[in-house]
Each structure stands twice: as C-alpha cells, then as structure tokens.
PDB file of all heavy atoms in Angstrom:
ATOM      1  N   ALA A   1      29.561 -63.163 -17.157  1.00  0.00           N
ATOM      2  CA  ALA A   1      28.263 -62.950 -16.507  1.00  0.00           C
ATOM      3  C   ALA A   1      27.125 -62.878 -17.513  1.00  0.00           C
ATOM      4  O   ALA A   1      26.040 -63.408 -17.258  1.00  0.00           O
ATOM      5  CB  ALA A   1      28.297 -61.665 -15.672  1.00  0.00           C
ATOM      6  N   PHE A   2      27.343 -62.225 -18.669  1.00  0.00           N
ATOM      7  CA  PHE A   2      26.238 -61.955 -19.574  1.00  0.00           C
ATOM      8  C   PHE A   2      26.408 -62.541 -20.970  1.00  0.00           C
ATOM      9  O   PHE A   2      25.509 -62.425 -21.795  1.00  0.00           O
ATOM     10  CB  PHE A   2      26.004 -60.450 -19.681  1.00  0.00           C
ATOM     11  CG  PHE A   2      25.705 -59.816 -18.341  1.00  0.00           C
ATOM     12  CD1 PHE A   2      26.534 -58.841 -17.827  1.00  0.00           C
ATOM     13  CD2 PHE A   2      24.617 -60.229 -17.589  1.00  0.00           C
ATOM     14  CE1 PHE A   2      26.263 -58.269 -16.580  1.00  0.00           C
ATOM     15  CE2 PHE A   2      24.347 -59.664 -16.355  1.00  0.00           C
ATOM     16  CZ  PHE A   2      25.169 -58.675 -15.854  1.00  0.00           C
ATOM     17  N   GLY A   3      27.536 -63.154 -21.261  1.00  0.00           N
ATOM     18  CA  GLY A   3      27.717 -63.813 -22.543  1.00  0.00           C
ATOM     19  C   GLY A   3      28.110 -62.906 -23.701  1.00  0.00           C
ATOM     20  O   GLY A   3      28.015 -63.306 -24.852  1.00  0.00           O
ATOM     21  N   PHE A   4      28.548 -61.674 -23.399  1.00  0.00           N
ATOM     22  CA  PHE A   4      29.030 -60.821 -24.479  1.00  0.00           C
ATOM     23  C   PHE A   4      30.288 -61.442 -25.073  1.00  0.00           C
ATOM     24  O   PHE A   4      30.968 -62.226 -24.418  1.00  0.00           O
ATOM     25  CB  PHE A   4      29.354 -59.406 -23.970  1.00  0.00           C
ATOM     26  CG  PHE A   4      28.145 -58.673 -23.442  1.00  0.00           C
ATOM     27  CD1 PHE A   4      28.146 -58.123 -22.180  1.00  0.00           C
ATOM     28  CD2 PHE A   4      27.005 -58.518 -24.221  1.00  0.00           C
ATOM     29  CE1 PHE A   4      27.052 -57.440 -21.691  1.00  0.00           C
ATOM     30  CE2 PHE A   4      25.894 -57.835 -23.741  1.00  0.00           C
ATOM     31  CZ  PHE A   4      25.920 -57.294 -22.471  1.00  0.00           C
ATOM     32  N   THR A   5      30.593 -61.089 -26.298  1.00  0.00           N
ATOM     33  CA  THR A   5      31.809 -61.577 -26.945  1.00  0.00           C
ATOM     34  C   THR A   5      32.704 -60.403 -27.295  1.00  0.00           C
ATOM     35  O   THR A   5      32.233 -59.282 -27.525  1.00  0.00           O
ATOM     36  CB  THR A   5      31.492 -62.377 -28.228  1.00  0.00           C
ATOM     37  OG1 THR A   5      30.779 -61.535 -29.130  1.00  0.00           O
ATOM     38  CG2 THR A   5      30.669 -63.613 -27.908  1.00  0.00           C
ATOM     39  N   VAL A   6      34.006 -60.677 -27.340  1.00  0.00           N
ATOM     40  CA  VAL A   6      34.971 -59.628 -27.665  1.00  0.00           C
ATOM     41  C   VAL A   6      34.924 -59.364 -29.159  1.00  0.00           C
ATOM     42  O   VAL A   6      35.002 -60.288 -29.966  1.00  0.00           O
ATOM     43  CB  VAL A   6      36.391 -60.029 -27.221  1.00  0.00           C
ATOM     44  CG1 VAL A   6      37.418 -59.006 -27.693  1.00  0.00           C
ATOM     45  CG2 VAL A   6      36.436 -60.184 -25.701  1.00  0.00           C
ATOM     46  N   GLY A   7      34.778 -58.097 -29.521  1.00  0.00           N
ATOM     47  CA  GLY A   7      34.846 -57.672 -30.903  1.00  0.00           C
ATOM     48  C   GLY A   7      36.272 -57.266 -31.226  1.00  0.00           C
ATOM     49  O   GLY A   7      37.077 -58.076 -31.647  1.00  0.00           O
ATOM     50  N   ARG A   8      36.595 -56.015 -30.928  1.00  0.00           N
ATOM     51  CA  ARG A   8      37.938 -55.500 -31.211  1.00  0.00           C
ATOM     52  C   ARG A   8      38.613 -55.031 -29.927  1.00  0.00           C
ATOM     53  O   ARG A   8      37.954 -54.597 -29.001  1.00  0.00           O
ATOM     54  CB  ARG A   8      37.853 -54.299 -32.160  1.00  0.00           C
ATOM     55  CG  ARG A   8      37.223 -54.625 -33.488  1.00  0.00           C
ATOM     56  CD  ARG A   8      37.066 -53.400 -34.340  1.00  0.00           C
ATOM     57  NE  ARG A   8      36.028 -52.548 -33.740  1.00  0.00           N
ATOM     58  CZ  ARG A   8      35.732 -51.330 -34.154  1.00  0.00           C
ATOM     59  NH1 ARG A   8      36.397 -50.785 -35.152  1.00  0.00           N
ATOM     60  NH2 ARG A   8      34.773 -50.634 -33.587  1.00  0.00           N
ATOM     61  N   ARG A   9      39.918 -55.123 -29.944  1.00  0.00           N
ATOM     62  CA  ARG A   9      40.728 -54.499 -28.894  1.00  0.00           C
ATOM     63  C   ARG A   9      41.250 -53.203 -29.496  1.00  0.00           C
ATOM     64  O   ARG A   9      41.841 -53.203 -30.571  1.00  0.00           O
ATOM     65  CB  ARG A   9      41.850 -55.406 -28.466  1.00  0.00           C
ATOM     66  CG  ARG A   9      41.306 -56.675 -27.824  1.00  0.00           C
ATOM     67  CD  ARG A   9      42.378 -57.485 -27.119  1.00  0.00           C
ATOM     68  NE  ARG A   9      41.814 -58.749 -26.715  1.00  0.00           N
ATOM     69  CZ  ARG A   9      40.998 -58.939 -25.673  1.00  0.00           C
ATOM     70  NH1 ARG A   9      40.666 -57.918 -24.922  1.00  0.00           N
ATOM     71  NH2 ARG A   9      40.519 -60.118 -25.394  1.00  0.00           N
ATOM     72  N   ILE A  10      41.007 -52.118 -28.813  1.00  0.00           N
ATOM     73  CA  ILE A  10      41.375 -50.804 -29.329  1.00  0.00           C
ATOM     74  C   ILE A  10      42.483 -50.269 -28.439  1.00  0.00           C
ATOM     75  O   ILE A  10      42.248 -49.480 -27.525  1.00  0.00           O
ATOM     76  CB  ILE A  10      40.144 -49.883 -29.361  1.00  0.00           C
ATOM     77  CG1 ILE A  10      39.026 -50.588 -30.145  1.00  0.00           C
ATOM     78  CG2 ILE A  10      40.484 -48.543 -29.973  1.00  0.00           C
ATOM     79  CD1 ILE A  10      37.672 -50.003 -29.946  1.00  0.00           C
ATOM     80  N   GLY A  11      43.688 -50.763 -28.670  1.00  0.00           N
ATOM     81  CA  GLY A  11      44.806 -50.393 -27.817  1.00  0.00           C
ATOM     82  C   GLY A  11      44.742 -51.147 -26.509  1.00  0.00           C
ATOM     83  O   GLY A  11      43.871 -51.989 -26.289  1.00  0.00           O
ATOM     84  N   PRO A  12      45.650 -50.832 -25.598  1.00  0.00           N
ATOM     85  CA  PRO A  12      45.711 -51.584 -24.340  1.00  0.00           C
ATOM     86  C   PRO A  12      44.613 -51.220 -23.341  1.00  0.00           C
ATOM     87  O   PRO A  12      44.366 -51.968 -22.405  1.00  0.00           O
ATOM     88  CB  PRO A  12      47.088 -51.217 -23.775  1.00  0.00           C
ATOM     89  CG  PRO A  12      47.374 -49.867 -24.359  1.00  0.00           C
ATOM     90  CD  PRO A  12      46.736 -49.865 -25.734  1.00  0.00           C
ATOM     91  N   GLY A  13      43.915 -50.101 -23.561  1.00  0.00           N
ATOM     92  CA  GLY A  13      42.957 -49.657 -22.562  1.00  0.00           C
ATOM     93  C   GLY A  13      41.519 -49.629 -23.008  1.00  0.00           C
ATOM     94  O   GLY A  13      40.699 -48.956 -22.393  1.00  0.00           O
ATOM     95  N   ALA A  14      41.194 -50.360 -24.064  1.00  0.00           N
ATOM     96  CA  ALA A  14      39.799 -50.370 -24.528  1.00  0.00           C
ATOM     97  C   ALA A  14      39.502 -51.677 -25.238  1.00  0.00           C
ATOM     98  O   ALA A  14      40.335 -52.203 -25.965  1.00  0.00           O
ATOM     99  CB  ALA A  14      39.532 -49.188 -25.451  1.00  0.00           C
ATOM    100  N   VAL A  15      38.290 -52.168 -25.009  1.00  0.00           N
ATOM    101  CA  VAL A  15      37.833 -53.376 -25.687  1.00  0.00           C
ATOM    102  C   VAL A  15      36.372 -53.191 -26.072  1.00  0.00           C
ATOM    103  O   VAL A  15      35.592 -52.580 -25.336  1.00  0.00           O
ATOM    104  CB  VAL A  15      38.034 -54.639 -24.817  1.00  0.00           C
ATOM    105  CG1 VAL A  15      37.184 -54.605 -23.558  1.00  0.00           C
ATOM    106  CG2 VAL A  15      37.759 -55.909 -25.604  1.00  0.00           C
ATOM    107  N   GLU A  16      36.021 -53.687 -27.235  1.00  0.00           N
ATOM    108  CA  GLU A  16      34.650 -53.650 -27.732  1.00  0.00           C
ATOM    109  C   GLU A  16      34.007 -55.003 -27.439  1.00  0.00           C
ATOM    110  O   GLU A  16      34.566 -56.039 -27.772  1.00  0.00           O
ATOM    111  CB  GLU A  16      34.681 -53.404 -29.239  1.00  0.00           C
ATOM    112  CG  GLU A  16      33.344 -53.489 -29.925  1.00  0.00           C
ATOM    113  CD  GLU A  16      33.504 -53.414 -31.434  1.00  0.00           C
ATOM    114  OE1 GLU A  16      34.139 -54.345 -32.002  1.00  0.00           O
ATOM    115  OE2 GLU A  16      33.018 -52.442 -32.029  1.00  0.00           O
ATOM    116  N   LEU A  17      32.834 -54.965 -26.816  1.00  0.00           N
ATOM    117  CA  LEU A  17      32.071 -56.179 -26.574  1.00  0.00           C
ATOM    118  C   LEU A  17      30.829 -56.164 -27.450  1.00  0.00           C
ATOM    119  O   LEU A  17      30.184 -55.125 -27.618  1.00  0.00           O
ATOM    120  CB  LEU A  17      31.684 -56.298 -25.100  1.00  0.00           C
ATOM    121  CG  LEU A  17      32.837 -56.372 -24.107  1.00  0.00           C
ATOM    122  CD1 LEU A  17      32.300 -56.495 -22.682  1.00  0.00           C
ATOM    123  CD2 LEU A  17      33.784 -57.501 -24.425  1.00  0.00           C
ATOM    124  N   LEU A  18      30.486 -57.315 -27.985  1.00  0.00           N
ATOM    125  CA  LEU A  18      29.350 -57.450 -28.883  1.00  0.00           C
ATOM    126  C   LEU A  18      28.316 -58.409 -28.284  1.00  0.00           C
ATOM    127  O   LEU A  18      28.629 -59.181 -27.398  1.00  0.00           O
ATOM    128  CB  LEU A  18      29.830 -57.969 -30.239  1.00  0.00           C
ATOM    129  CG  LEU A  18      30.910 -57.127 -30.921  1.00  0.00           C
ATOM    130  CD1 LEU A  18      31.413 -57.820 -32.183  1.00  0.00           C
ATOM    131  CD2 LEU A  18      30.404 -55.730 -31.223  1.00  0.00           C
ATOM    132  N   GLY A  19      27.110 -58.353 -28.832  1.00  0.00           N
ATOM    133  CA  GLY A  19      26.060 -59.272 -28.415  1.00  0.00           C
ATOM    134  C   GLY A  19      24.914 -58.590 -27.699  1.00  0.00           C
ATOM    135  O   GLY A  19      23.977 -59.247 -27.270  1.00  0.00           O
ATOM    136  N   ALA A  20      24.960 -57.267 -27.590  1.00  0.00           N
ATOM    137  CA  ALA A  20      23.916 -56.550 -26.869  1.00  0.00           C
ATOM    138  C   ALA A  20      23.029 -55.717 -27.784  1.00  0.00           C
ATOM    139  O   ALA A  20      22.222 -54.942 -27.308  1.00  0.00           O
ATOM    140  CB  ALA A  20      24.546 -55.640 -25.822  1.00  0.00           C
ATOM    141  N   GLY A  21      23.198 -55.852 -29.096  1.00  0.00           N
ATOM    142  CA  GLY A  21      22.431 -55.024 -30.015  1.00  0.00           C
ATOM    143  C   GLY A  21      23.137 -53.731 -30.369  1.00  0.00           C
ATOM    144  O   GLY A  21      22.940 -53.179 -31.432  1.00  0.00           O
ATOM    145  N   VAL A  22      23.925 -53.213 -29.449  1.00  0.00           N
ATOM    146  CA  VAL A  22      24.806 -52.070 -29.688  1.00  0.00           C
ATOM    147  C   VAL A  22      26.172 -52.440 -29.123  1.00  0.00           C
ATOM    148  O   VAL A  22      26.266 -53.204 -28.160  1.00  0.00           O
ATOM    149  CB  VAL A  22      24.298 -50.757 -29.038  1.00  0.00           C
ATOM    150  CG1 VAL A  22      22.967 -50.329 -29.601  1.00  0.00           C
ATOM    151  CG2 VAL A  22      24.236 -50.867 -27.534  1.00  0.00           C
ATOM    152  N   PRO A  23      27.245 -51.911 -29.700  1.00  0.00           N
ATOM    153  CA  PRO A  23      28.565 -52.219 -29.135  1.00  0.00           C
ATOM    154  C   PRO A  23      28.713 -51.627 -27.738  1.00  0.00           C
ATOM    155  O   PRO A  23      28.253 -50.521 -27.467  1.00  0.00           O
ATOM    156  CB  PRO A  23      29.542 -51.552 -30.110  1.00  0.00           C
ATOM    157  CG  PRO A  23      28.766 -51.267 -31.338  1.00  0.00           C
ATOM    158  CD  PRO A  23      27.339 -51.114 -30.912  1.00  0.00           C
ATOM    159  N   LEU A  24      29.342 -52.377 -26.876  1.00  0.00           N
ATOM    160  CA  LEU A  24      29.652 -51.941 -25.520  1.00  0.00           C
ATOM    161  C   LEU A  24      31.162 -51.801 -25.430  1.00  0.00           C
ATOM    162  O   LEU A  24      31.888 -52.768 -25.689  1.00  0.00           O
ATOM    163  CB  LEU A  24      29.141 -52.993 -24.525  1.00  0.00           C
ATOM    164  CG  LEU A  24      29.486 -52.804 -23.064  1.00  0.00           C
ATOM    165  CD1 LEU A  24      28.805 -51.559 -22.510  1.00  0.00           C
ATOM    166  CD2 LEU A  24      29.071 -54.032 -22.266  1.00  0.00           C
ATOM    167  N   TYR A  25      31.636 -50.600 -25.112  1.00  0.00           N
ATOM    168  CA  TYR A  25      33.070 -50.353 -25.021  1.00  0.00           C
ATOM    169  C   TYR A  25      33.462 -50.192 -23.561  1.00  0.00           C
ATOM    170  O   TYR A  25      32.879 -49.385 -22.843  1.00  0.00           O
ATOM    171  CB  TYR A  25      33.455 -49.093 -25.806  1.00  0.00           C
ATOM    172  CG  TYR A  25      33.303 -49.275 -27.283  1.00  0.00           C
ATOM    173  CD1 TYR A  25      32.113 -48.963 -27.918  1.00  0.00           C
ATOM    174  CD2 TYR A  25      34.340 -49.797 -28.049  1.00  0.00           C
ATOM    175  CE1 TYR A  25      31.951 -49.150 -29.280  1.00  0.00           C
ATOM    176  CE2 TYR A  25      34.194 -49.992 -29.413  1.00  0.00           C
ATOM    177  CZ  TYR A  25      32.991 -49.663 -30.027  1.00  0.00           C
ATOM    178  OH  TYR A  25      32.848 -49.860 -31.365  1.00  0.00           O
ATOM    179  N   LEU A  26      34.430 -50.973 -23.143  1.00  0.00           N
ATOM    180  CA  LEU A  26      35.011 -50.844 -21.810  1.00  0.00           C
ATOM    181  C   LEU A  26      36.277 -50.018 -21.963  1.00  0.00           C
ATOM    182  O   LEU A  26      37.164 -50.360 -22.749  1.00  0.00           O
ATOM    183  CB  LEU A  26      35.329 -52.225 -21.233  1.00  0.00           C
ATOM    184  CG  LEU A  26      34.139 -53.182 -21.131  1.00  0.00           C
ATOM    185  CD1 LEU A  26      34.592 -54.553 -20.680  1.00  0.00           C
ATOM    186  CD2 LEU A  26      33.073 -52.625 -20.197  1.00  0.00           C
ATOM    187  N   LEU A  27      36.353 -48.916 -21.226  1.00  0.00           N
ATOM    188  CA  LEU A  27      37.457 -47.972 -21.349  1.00  0.00           C
ATOM    189  C   LEU A  27      38.196 -47.864 -20.025  1.00  0.00           C
ATOM    190  O   LEU A  27      37.589 -47.536 -18.995  1.00  0.00           O
ATOM    191  CB  LEU A  27      36.927 -46.587 -21.741  1.00  0.00           C
ATOM    192  CG  LEU A  27      36.000 -46.545 -22.967  1.00  0.00           C
ATOM    193  CD1 LEU A  27      35.447 -45.143 -23.148  1.00  0.00           C
ATOM    194  CD2 LEU A  27      36.732 -47.021 -24.205  1.00  0.00           C
ATOM    195  N   GLN A  28      39.476 -48.151 -20.039  1.00  0.00           N
ATOM    196  CA  GLN A  28      40.253 -48.095 -18.803  1.00  0.00           C
ATOM    197  C   GLN A  28      40.517 -46.651 -18.418  1.00  0.00           C
ATOM    198  O   GLN A  28      41.109 -45.890 -19.172  1.00  0.00           O
ATOM    199  CB  GLN A  28      41.575 -48.852 -18.959  1.00  0.00           C
ATOM    200  CG  GLN A  28      42.316 -48.968 -17.641  1.00  0.00           C
ATOM    201  CD  GLN A  28      43.251 -50.150 -17.632  1.00  0.00           C
ATOM    202  OE1 GLN A  28      42.900 -51.230 -18.067  1.00  0.00           O
ATOM    203  NE2 GLN A  28      44.445 -49.918 -17.126  1.00  0.00           N
ATOM    204  N   LYS A  29      40.043 -46.284 -17.233  1.00  0.00           N
ATOM    205  CA  LYS A  29      40.226 -44.946 -16.666  1.00  0.00           C
ATOM    206  C   LYS A  29      40.502 -45.138 -15.181  1.00  0.00           C
ATOM    207  O   LYS A  29      39.695 -45.710 -14.454  1.00  0.00           O
ATOM    208  CB  LYS A  29      38.974 -44.085 -16.830  1.00  0.00           C
ATOM    209  CG  LYS A  29      38.447 -43.990 -18.250  1.00  0.00           C
ATOM    210  CD  LYS A  29      39.262 -43.064 -19.094  1.00  0.00           C
ATOM    211  CE  LYS A  29      38.620 -42.935 -20.472  1.00  0.00           C
ATOM    212  NZ  LYS A  29      39.171 -41.889 -21.253  1.00  0.00           N
ATOM    213  N   ALA A  30      41.614 -44.662 -14.724  1.00  0.00           N
ATOM    214  CA  ALA A  30      42.011 -44.854 -13.324  1.00  0.00           C
ATOM    215  C   ALA A  30      41.075 -44.121 -12.370  1.00  0.00           C
ATOM    216  O   ALA A  30      40.598 -43.024 -12.670  1.00  0.00           O
ATOM    217  CB  ALA A  30      43.443 -44.381 -13.118  1.00  0.00           C
ATOM    218  N   ALA A  31      40.837 -44.737 -11.221  1.00  0.00           N
ATOM    219  CA  ALA A  31      40.078 -44.079 -10.162  1.00  0.00           C
ATOM    220  C   ALA A  31      40.805 -42.797  -9.779  1.00  0.00           C
ATOM    221  O   ALA A  31      42.041 -42.733  -9.770  1.00  0.00           O
ATOM    222  CB  ALA A  31      39.951 -44.997  -8.952  1.00  0.00           C
ATOM    223  N   GLY A  32      40.042 -41.759  -9.497  1.00  0.00           N
ATOM    224  CA  GLY A  32      40.615 -40.488  -9.086  1.00  0.00           C
ATOM    225  C   GLY A  32      40.949 -39.540 -10.217  1.00  0.00           C
ATOM    226  O   GLY A  32      41.272 -38.382  -9.972  1.00  0.00           O
ATOM    227  N   THR A  33      40.890 -40.012 -11.460  1.00  0.00           N
ATOM    228  CA  THR A  33      41.184 -39.124 -12.578  1.00  0.00           C
ATOM    229  C   THR A  33      39.978 -38.248 -12.865  1.00  0.00           C
ATOM    230  O   THR A  33      38.836 -38.627 -12.589  1.00  0.00           O
ATOM    231  CB  THR A  33      41.590 -39.912 -13.842  1.00  0.00           C
ATOM    232  OG1 THR A  33      40.546 -40.829 -14.181  1.00  0.00           O
ATOM    233  CG2 THR A  33      42.893 -40.682 -13.615  1.00  0.00           C
ATOM    234  N   PRO A  34      40.205 -37.058 -13.434  1.00  0.00           N
ATOM    235  CA  PRO A  34      39.080 -36.160 -13.739  1.00  0.00           C
ATOM    236  C   PRO A  34      38.131 -36.787 -14.758  1.00  0.00           C
ATOM    237  O   PRO A  34      38.577 -37.458 -15.686  1.00  0.00           O
ATOM    238  CB  PRO A  34      39.747 -34.923 -14.337  1.00  0.00           C
ATOM    239  CG  PRO A  34      41.196 -35.010 -13.980  1.00  0.00           C
ATOM    240  CD  PRO A  34      41.495 -36.472 -13.788  1.00  0.00           C
ATOM    241  N   VAL A  35      36.833 -36.543 -14.598  1.00  0.00           N
ATOM    242  CA  VAL A  35      35.868 -37.071 -15.551  1.00  0.00           C
ATOM    243  C   VAL A  35      35.866 -36.267 -16.842  1.00  0.00           C
ATOM    244  O   VAL A  35      35.494 -36.777 -17.891  1.00  0.00           O
ATOM    245  CB  VAL A  35      34.443 -37.169 -14.955  1.00  0.00           C
ATOM    246  CG1 VAL A  35      34.424 -38.120 -13.770  1.00  0.00           C
ATOM    247  CG2 VAL A  35      33.907 -35.813 -14.572  1.00  0.00           C
ATOM    248  N   SER A  36      36.269 -35.006 -16.792  1.00  0.00           N
ATOM    249  CA  SER A  36      36.412 -34.168 -17.989  1.00  0.00           C
ATOM    250  C   SER A  36      37.230 -32.931 -17.625  1.00  0.00           C
ATOM    251  O   SER A  36      37.398 -32.602 -16.441  1.00  0.00           O
ATOM    252  CB  SER A  36      35.055 -33.754 -18.558  1.00  0.00           C
ATOM    253  OG  SER A  36      34.480 -32.726 -17.775  1.00  0.00           O
ATOM    254  N   ALA A  37      37.681 -32.228 -18.641  1.00  0.00           N
ATOM    255  CA  ALA A  37      38.451 -30.996 -18.410  1.00  0.00           C
ATOM    256  C   ALA A  37      37.577 -29.892 -17.819  1.00  0.00           C
ATOM    257  O   ALA A  37      38.083 -28.983 -17.170  1.00  0.00           O
ATOM    258  CB  ALA A  37      39.077 -30.530 -19.720  1.00  0.00           C
ATOM    259  N   ALA A  38      36.279 -29.978 -18.015  1.00  0.00           N
ATOM    260  CA  ALA A  38      35.366 -28.932 -17.560  1.00  0.00           C
ATOM    261  C   ALA A  38      34.748 -29.219 -16.190  1.00  0.00           C
ATOM    262  O   ALA A  38      33.913 -28.456 -15.730  1.00  0.00           O
ATOM    263  CB  ALA A  38      34.262 -28.738 -18.593  1.00  0.00           C
ATOM    264  N   SER A  39      35.130 -30.314 -15.566  1.00  0.00           N
ATOM    265  CA  SER A  39      34.509 -30.706 -14.301  1.00  0.00           C
ATOM    266  C   SER A  39      35.565 -30.959 -13.231  1.00  0.00           C
ATOM    267  O   SER A  39      36.658 -31.433 -13.530  1.00  0.00           O
ATOM    268  CB  SER A  39      33.685 -31.984 -14.510  1.00  0.00           C
ATOM    269  OG  SER A  39      33.205 -32.470 -13.282  1.00  0.00           O
ATOM    270  N   SER A  40      35.221 -30.672 -11.999  1.00  0.00           N
ATOM    271  CA  SER A  40      36.119 -30.998 -10.895  1.00  0.00           C
ATOM    272  C   SER A  40      35.845 -32.404 -10.351  1.00  0.00           C
ATOM    273  O   SER A  40      36.563 -32.880  -9.471  1.00  0.00           O
ATOM    274  CB  SER A  40      35.969 -29.969  -9.768  1.00  0.00           C
ATOM    275  OG  SER A  40      34.646 -30.012  -9.256  1.00  0.00           O
ATOM    276  N   ALA A  41      34.825 -33.081 -10.883  1.00  0.00           N
ATOM    277  CA  ALA A  41      34.484 -34.435 -10.431  1.00  0.00           C
ATOM    278  C   ALA A  41      35.597 -35.417 -10.803  1.00  0.00           C
ATOM    279  O   ALA A  41      36.279 -35.253 -11.818  1.00  0.00           O
ATOM    280  CB  ALA A  41      33.163 -34.885 -11.044  1.00  0.00           C
ATOM    281  N   ARG A  42      35.767 -36.417  -9.967  1.00  0.00           N
ATOM    282  CA  ARG A  42      36.775 -37.452 -10.183  1.00  0.00           C
ATOM    283  C   ARG A  42      36.089 -38.807 -10.268  1.00  0.00           C
ATOM    284  O   ARG A  42      35.060 -39.041  -9.648  1.00  0.00           O
ATOM    285  CB  ARG A  42      37.764 -37.466  -9.016  1.00  0.00           C
ATOM    286  CG  ARG A  42      38.435 -36.140  -8.756  1.00  0.00           C
ATOM    287  CD  ARG A  42      39.749 -36.127  -9.418  1.00  0.00           C
ATOM    288  NE  ARG A  42      40.402 -34.817  -9.262  1.00  0.00           N
ATOM    289  CZ  ARG A  42      41.367 -34.438 -10.038  1.00  0.00           C
ATOM    290  NH1 ARG A  42      41.812 -35.224 -10.988  1.00  0.00           N
ATOM    291  NH2 ARG A  42      41.925 -33.267  -9.889  1.00  0.00           N
ATOM    292  N   ARG A  43      36.694 -39.717 -11.043  1.00  0.00           N
ATOM    293  CA  ARG A  43      36.143 -41.068 -11.160  1.00  0.00           C
ATOM    294  C   ARG A  43      36.218 -41.774  -9.824  1.00  0.00           C
ATOM    295  O   ARG A  43      37.243 -41.755  -9.151  1.00  0.00           O
ATOM    296  CB  ARG A  43      36.905 -41.863 -12.214  1.00  0.00           C
ATOM    297  CG  ARG A  43      36.558 -41.439 -13.607  1.00  0.00           C
ATOM    298  CD  ARG A  43      37.348 -42.232 -14.650  1.00  0.00           C
ATOM    299  NE  ARG A  43      36.956 -41.788 -15.963  1.00  0.00           N
ATOM    300  CZ  ARG A  43      37.429 -40.692 -16.562  1.00  0.00           C
ATOM    301  NH1 ARG A  43      38.350 -39.965 -15.956  1.00  0.00           N
ATOM    302  NH2 ARG A  43      36.997 -40.347 -17.749  1.00  0.00           N
ATOM    303  N   ASP A  44      35.114 -42.436  -9.492  1.00  0.00           N
ATOM    304  CA  ASP A  44      35.018 -43.193  -8.246  1.00  0.00           C
ATOM    305  C   ASP A  44      34.293 -44.491  -8.572  1.00  0.00           C
ATOM    306  O   ASP A  44      33.173 -44.460  -9.082  1.00  0.00           O
ATOM    307  CB  ASP A  44      34.230 -42.373  -7.230  1.00  0.00           C
ATOM    308  CG  ASP A  44      33.985 -43.103  -5.932  1.00  0.00           C
ATOM    309  OD1 ASP A  44      34.426 -44.265  -5.774  1.00  0.00           O
ATOM    310  OD2 ASP A  44      33.339 -42.526  -5.056  1.00  0.00           O
ATOM    311  N   TYR A  45      34.921 -45.604  -8.284  1.00  0.00           N
ATOM    312  CA  TYR A  45      34.334 -46.891  -8.644  1.00  0.00           C
ATOM    313  C   TYR A  45      33.651 -47.590  -7.478  1.00  0.00           C
ATOM    314  O   TYR A  45      33.342 -48.767  -7.562  1.00  0.00           O
ATOM    315  CB  TYR A  45      35.385 -47.782  -9.309  1.00  0.00           C
ATOM    316  CG  TYR A  45      35.801 -47.219 -10.650  1.00  0.00           C
ATOM    317  CD1 TYR A  45      37.059 -46.660 -10.836  1.00  0.00           C
ATOM    318  CD2 TYR A  45      34.906 -47.201 -11.715  1.00  0.00           C
ATOM    319  CE1 TYR A  45      37.424 -46.114 -12.062  1.00  0.00           C
ATOM    320  CE2 TYR A  45      35.261 -46.659 -12.933  1.00  0.00           C
ATOM    321  CZ  TYR A  45      36.520 -46.125 -13.099  1.00  0.00           C
ATOM    322  OH  TYR A  45      36.862 -45.581 -14.314  1.00  0.00           O
ATOM    323  N   GLY A  46      33.377 -46.856  -6.396  1.00  0.00           N
ATOM    324  CA  GLY A  46      32.473 -47.378  -5.378  1.00  0.00           C
ATOM    325  C   GLY A  46      31.061 -47.309  -5.935  1.00  0.00           C
ATOM    326  O   GLY A  46      30.819 -46.674  -6.971  1.00  0.00           O
TER     327      GLY A  46
END
C-alpha cells in the first residue's frame, strides 16, 4: 500500500519496515491479549 521496505526480521513475530523516516515495527500480538500487566484492557483489532 505505501511502499515501505523490509529492514530486519526480529524473530517470528516482529518485522522492521523502512522508508518512513523512522523505523516502523509490526509486532504480532493476538486479539484478546492484555495490552499491559497494569491494565485490564485487551487488544481489539476492530
């Protein structure tokens, strides 16, 4: 969609994308998992 390029793969659940002036990291996190240990909020991808 935007022409970013893959920089590094950081294990099976993370990838670094380049081309935006700052690195963009995509991090695999399952829906429904807690957003942090201090919060009751859960990830929702709607």
